[in-house]
N, C-alpha and C. Protein backbone atom coordinates (compact mmCIF):
# COMPACT_ATOMS: atom_id res chain seq x y z
N MET A 1 -35.12 14.86 -13.13
CA MET A 1 -35.58 14.90 -11.76
C MET A 1 -35.56 13.52 -11.12
N ALA A 2 -35.85 12.49 -11.89
CA ALA A 2 -35.90 11.13 -11.34
C ALA A 2 -34.53 10.69 -10.85
N ASP A 3 -33.46 11.13 -11.53
CA ASP A 3 -32.11 10.77 -11.12
C ASP A 3 -31.76 11.36 -9.76
N GLU A 4 -32.20 12.59 -9.51
CA GLU A 4 -31.91 13.24 -8.23
C GLU A 4 -32.60 12.53 -7.09
N THR A 5 -33.84 12.09 -7.28
CA THR A 5 -34.54 11.39 -6.21
C THR A 5 -33.91 10.03 -5.95
N ALA A 6 -33.45 9.36 -6.99
CA ALA A 6 -32.80 8.06 -6.81
C ALA A 6 -31.50 8.22 -6.04
N ALA A 7 -30.76 9.33 -6.29
CA ALA A 7 -29.51 9.57 -5.59
C ALA A 7 -29.76 9.84 -4.11
N THR A 8 -30.82 10.59 -3.80
CA THR A 8 -31.08 10.89 -2.39
C THR A 8 -31.61 9.66 -1.66
N GLU A 9 -32.35 8.81 -2.34
CA GLU A 9 -32.84 7.58 -1.71
C GLU A 9 -31.68 6.66 -1.36
N ALA A 10 -30.68 6.61 -2.23
CA ALA A 10 -29.52 5.77 -1.97
C ALA A 10 -28.63 6.37 -0.89
N GLY A 11 -28.75 7.66 -0.63
CA GLY A 11 -27.97 8.29 0.41
C GLY A 11 -26.84 9.14 -0.11
N ARG A 12 -26.30 8.80 -1.27
CA ARG A 12 -25.22 9.60 -1.85
C ARG A 12 -25.34 9.59 -3.37
N ALA A 13 -24.76 10.62 -3.99
CA ALA A 13 -24.80 10.69 -5.45
C ALA A 13 -23.81 9.71 -6.06
N ASN A 14 -22.68 9.47 -5.35
CA ASN A 14 -21.64 8.59 -5.87
C ASN A 14 -21.35 7.50 -4.84
N PRO A 15 -21.99 6.33 -4.95
CA PRO A 15 -21.76 5.30 -3.95
C PRO A 15 -20.32 4.77 -3.98
N ARG A 16 -19.89 4.25 -2.86
CA ARG A 16 -18.51 3.78 -2.75
C ARG A 16 -18.29 2.54 -3.60
N LYS A 17 -17.09 2.43 -4.16
CA LYS A 17 -16.76 1.30 -5.01
C LYS A 17 -16.62 0.03 -4.16
N VAL A 18 -17.01 -1.09 -4.72
CA VAL A 18 -16.87 -2.39 -4.07
C VAL A 18 -16.13 -3.31 -5.02
N ARG A 19 -15.12 -4.01 -4.51
CA ARG A 19 -14.32 -4.92 -5.34
C ARG A 19 -14.19 -6.26 -4.63
N GLU A 20 -13.93 -7.31 -5.41
CA GLU A 20 -13.65 -8.64 -4.85
C GLU A 20 -12.25 -9.04 -5.26
N GLY A 21 -11.52 -9.65 -4.33
CA GLY A 21 -10.16 -10.03 -4.65
C GLY A 21 -9.63 -11.08 -3.69
N THR A 22 -8.35 -11.39 -3.85
CA THR A 22 -7.67 -12.41 -3.06
C THR A 22 -6.60 -11.75 -2.21
N VAL A 23 -6.52 -12.15 -0.94
CA VAL A 23 -5.50 -11.62 -0.04
C VAL A 23 -4.15 -12.20 -0.43
N VAL A 24 -3.16 -11.33 -0.67
CA VAL A 24 -1.83 -11.80 -1.08
C VAL A 24 -0.77 -11.53 -0.01
N SER A 25 -1.08 -10.67 0.98
CA SER A 25 -0.11 -10.40 2.04
C SER A 25 -0.83 -9.95 3.29
N THR A 26 -0.34 -10.45 4.45
CA THR A 26 -0.90 -10.03 5.74
C THR A 26 0.22 -9.73 6.73
N SER A 27 1.40 -9.39 6.24
CA SER A 27 2.55 -9.21 7.12
C SER A 27 2.53 -7.90 7.90
N MET A 28 1.68 -6.95 7.50
CA MET A 28 1.59 -5.68 8.23
C MET A 28 0.53 -5.77 9.32
N ASP A 29 0.64 -4.91 10.32
CA ASP A 29 -0.32 -4.90 11.41
C ASP A 29 -1.58 -4.15 10.99
N LYS A 30 -2.73 -4.81 11.12
CA LYS A 30 -4.05 -4.25 10.78
C LYS A 30 -4.17 -3.85 9.32
N THR A 31 -3.35 -4.41 8.46
CA THR A 31 -3.41 -4.12 7.02
C THR A 31 -3.21 -5.41 6.24
N ALA A 32 -3.98 -5.57 5.19
CA ALA A 32 -3.81 -6.69 4.28
C ALA A 32 -3.71 -6.12 2.86
N VAL A 33 -3.03 -6.86 2.00
CA VAL A 33 -2.94 -6.47 0.60
C VAL A 33 -3.82 -7.42 -0.20
N VAL A 34 -4.75 -6.86 -0.97
CA VAL A 34 -5.69 -7.64 -1.74
C VAL A 34 -5.44 -7.40 -3.22
N ALA A 35 -5.27 -8.49 -3.99
CA ALA A 35 -5.08 -8.40 -5.43
C ALA A 35 -6.44 -8.51 -6.11
N VAL A 36 -6.79 -7.49 -6.89
CA VAL A 36 -8.05 -7.47 -7.61
C VAL A 36 -7.75 -7.62 -9.09
N VAL A 37 -8.29 -8.67 -9.71
CA VAL A 37 -8.04 -8.94 -11.13
C VAL A 37 -9.21 -8.41 -11.94
N ASP A 38 -8.89 -7.59 -12.95
CA ASP A 38 -9.89 -7.02 -13.82
C ASP A 38 -9.59 -7.46 -15.25
N ARG A 39 -10.59 -8.02 -15.92
CA ARG A 39 -10.40 -8.46 -17.30
C ARG A 39 -10.89 -7.37 -18.23
N VAL A 40 -9.98 -6.86 -19.07
CA VAL A 40 -10.33 -5.79 -20.01
C VAL A 40 -9.93 -6.21 -21.42
N ARG A 41 -10.57 -5.59 -22.39
CA ARG A 41 -10.27 -5.87 -23.79
C ARG A 41 -9.15 -4.93 -24.23
N HIS A 42 -8.13 -5.46 -24.90
CA HIS A 42 -7.05 -4.61 -25.39
C HIS A 42 -7.58 -3.73 -26.51
N PRO A 43 -7.29 -2.42 -26.47
CA PRO A 43 -7.90 -1.51 -27.44
C PRO A 43 -7.51 -1.80 -28.90
N ARG A 44 -6.29 -2.24 -29.14
CA ARG A 44 -5.86 -2.47 -30.51
C ARG A 44 -6.08 -3.93 -30.94
N TYR A 45 -5.67 -4.86 -30.09
CA TYR A 45 -5.66 -6.27 -30.50
C TYR A 45 -6.91 -7.03 -30.11
N ASN A 46 -7.81 -6.40 -29.36
CA ASN A 46 -9.09 -7.00 -28.97
C ASN A 46 -8.95 -8.32 -28.24
N LYS A 47 -7.79 -8.55 -27.64
CA LYS A 47 -7.60 -9.74 -26.84
C LYS A 47 -7.92 -9.40 -25.38
N THR A 48 -8.50 -10.34 -24.65
CA THR A 48 -8.80 -10.11 -23.24
C THR A 48 -7.51 -10.19 -22.43
N VAL A 49 -7.26 -9.13 -21.64
CA VAL A 49 -6.04 -9.04 -20.86
C VAL A 49 -6.42 -8.91 -19.39
N GLN A 50 -5.65 -9.54 -18.50
CA GLN A 50 -5.90 -9.42 -17.08
C GLN A 50 -5.05 -8.31 -16.50
N ARG A 51 -5.69 -7.37 -15.81
CA ARG A 51 -4.99 -6.29 -15.12
C ARG A 51 -5.17 -6.51 -13.63
N THR A 52 -4.07 -6.46 -12.88
CA THR A 52 -4.13 -6.70 -11.44
C THR A 52 -3.80 -5.42 -10.69
N ASN A 53 -4.66 -5.06 -9.74
CA ASN A 53 -4.41 -3.94 -8.85
C ASN A 53 -4.23 -4.48 -7.44
N ARG A 54 -3.25 -3.92 -6.72
CA ARG A 54 -3.03 -4.30 -5.33
C ARG A 54 -3.60 -3.21 -4.43
N LEU A 55 -4.60 -3.56 -3.65
CA LEU A 55 -5.27 -2.61 -2.77
C LEU A 55 -4.84 -2.86 -1.34
N TYR A 56 -4.52 -1.78 -0.62
CA TYR A 56 -4.20 -1.87 0.80
C TYR A 56 -5.49 -1.73 1.58
N VAL A 57 -5.80 -2.74 2.39
CA VAL A 57 -7.10 -2.87 3.03
C VAL A 57 -6.94 -2.85 4.54
N HIS A 58 -7.83 -2.11 5.22
CA HIS A 58 -7.81 -2.07 6.69
C HIS A 58 -8.44 -3.33 7.25
N ASP A 59 -7.68 -4.05 8.10
CA ASP A 59 -8.13 -5.30 8.73
C ASP A 59 -7.94 -5.13 10.23
N GLU A 60 -8.95 -4.59 10.90
CA GLU A 60 -8.84 -4.20 12.31
C GLU A 60 -8.46 -5.37 13.21
N THR A 61 -9.00 -6.56 12.95
CA THR A 61 -8.80 -7.69 13.86
C THR A 61 -7.68 -8.63 13.43
N ASN A 62 -7.01 -8.35 12.33
CA ASN A 62 -5.94 -9.22 11.81
C ASN A 62 -6.40 -10.66 11.63
N ASP A 63 -7.63 -10.86 11.18
CA ASP A 63 -8.14 -12.23 11.04
C ASP A 63 -8.05 -12.76 9.61
N LEU A 64 -7.53 -11.97 8.66
CA LEU A 64 -7.39 -12.45 7.29
C LEU A 64 -6.13 -13.29 7.14
N ASN A 65 -6.20 -14.26 6.23
CA ASN A 65 -5.04 -15.09 5.89
C ASN A 65 -4.80 -15.01 4.40
N VAL A 66 -3.57 -15.31 3.99
CA VAL A 66 -3.23 -15.29 2.58
C VAL A 66 -4.07 -16.34 1.86
N GLY A 67 -4.70 -15.94 0.76
CA GLY A 67 -5.52 -16.85 -0.01
C GLY A 67 -7.01 -16.66 0.20
N ASP A 68 -7.40 -15.88 1.21
CA ASP A 68 -8.83 -15.63 1.44
C ASP A 68 -9.40 -14.80 0.31
N ARG A 69 -10.66 -15.10 -0.08
CA ARG A 69 -11.38 -14.26 -1.03
C ARG A 69 -12.22 -13.29 -0.23
N VAL A 70 -12.08 -11.99 -0.52
CA VAL A 70 -12.76 -10.97 0.28
C VAL A 70 -13.46 -9.96 -0.62
N ARG A 71 -14.43 -9.28 -0.03
CA ARG A 71 -15.09 -8.15 -0.68
C ARG A 71 -14.66 -6.91 0.09
N VAL A 72 -14.16 -5.90 -0.63
CA VAL A 72 -13.68 -4.68 0.01
C VAL A 72 -14.46 -3.48 -0.53
N GLN A 73 -14.49 -2.42 0.29
CA GLN A 73 -15.23 -1.22 -0.07
C GLN A 73 -14.35 0.00 0.12
N GLU A 74 -14.50 0.95 -0.77
CA GLU A 74 -13.74 2.19 -0.71
C GLU A 74 -14.13 2.97 0.55
N THR A 75 -13.16 3.65 1.15
CA THR A 75 -13.43 4.45 2.33
C THR A 75 -12.51 5.66 2.34
N ARG A 76 -12.61 6.46 3.39
CA ARG A 76 -11.75 7.63 3.49
C ARG A 76 -10.30 7.19 3.66
N PRO A 77 -9.33 8.04 3.37
CA PRO A 77 -7.93 7.65 3.54
C PRO A 77 -7.63 7.31 5.00
N LEU A 78 -7.10 6.11 5.24
CA LEU A 78 -6.76 5.68 6.59
C LEU A 78 -5.27 5.80 6.85
N SER A 79 -4.47 5.81 5.80
CA SER A 79 -3.03 6.03 5.92
C SER A 79 -2.54 6.48 4.55
N LYS A 80 -1.23 6.46 4.35
CA LYS A 80 -0.68 6.95 3.08
C LYS A 80 -1.22 6.16 1.88
N LEU A 81 -1.34 4.85 2.01
CA LEU A 81 -1.79 4.01 0.90
C LEU A 81 -3.15 3.34 1.12
N LYS A 82 -3.61 3.30 2.35
CA LYS A 82 -4.82 2.54 2.68
C LYS A 82 -6.08 3.36 2.44
N ARG A 83 -6.92 2.87 1.49
CA ARG A 83 -8.18 3.55 1.19
C ARG A 83 -9.34 2.57 1.08
N TRP A 84 -9.18 1.36 1.56
CA TRP A 84 -10.20 0.33 1.44
C TRP A 84 -10.42 -0.35 2.79
N ARG A 85 -11.62 -0.93 2.98
CA ARG A 85 -11.90 -1.68 4.20
C ARG A 85 -12.63 -2.96 3.84
N ILE A 86 -12.54 -3.94 4.73
CA ILE A 86 -13.16 -5.24 4.51
C ILE A 86 -14.67 -5.12 4.70
N VAL A 87 -15.43 -5.65 3.73
CA VAL A 87 -16.88 -5.75 3.89
C VAL A 87 -17.22 -7.13 4.43
N ASP A 88 -16.74 -8.18 3.75
CA ASP A 88 -16.92 -9.53 4.26
C ASP A 88 -15.94 -10.49 3.61
N VAL A 89 -15.77 -11.64 4.26
CA VAL A 89 -14.89 -12.69 3.74
C VAL A 89 -15.78 -13.67 2.99
N LEU A 90 -15.53 -13.82 1.69
CA LEU A 90 -16.37 -14.68 0.86
C LEU A 90 -15.97 -16.14 1.00
N GLU A 91 -14.66 -16.40 1.11
CA GLU A 91 -14.18 -17.78 1.17
C GLU A 91 -12.85 -17.79 1.90
N ARG A 92 -12.71 -18.69 2.85
CA ARG A 92 -11.46 -18.82 3.59
C ARG A 92 -10.47 -19.68 2.82
N ALA A 93 -9.19 -19.41 3.02
CA ALA A 93 -8.14 -20.21 2.37
C ALA A 93 -8.11 -21.60 2.99
N ARG A 94 -7.76 -22.57 2.17
CA ARG A 94 -7.71 -23.95 2.68
C ARG A 94 -6.33 -24.30 3.18
């Protein structure tokens, strides 16, 4: 019962995913590509491996630049590939 009340207090049972990454492309209109690096342990060799996912992010004002560090959040499908939106810019590119 305690889990159900915690879910309703938060507003949803499954909160939206939040990721941090680096902008790698801004050549599309109102869209940026963000590379998210995830460090995982290899199942057989137990070595730490970096896995990179490229997320298509909605950027309404086109204010992102390549190299910016951003926080993105999952959202409803906005186009064929776009399922993320900008939450905030953590660090601007130099």
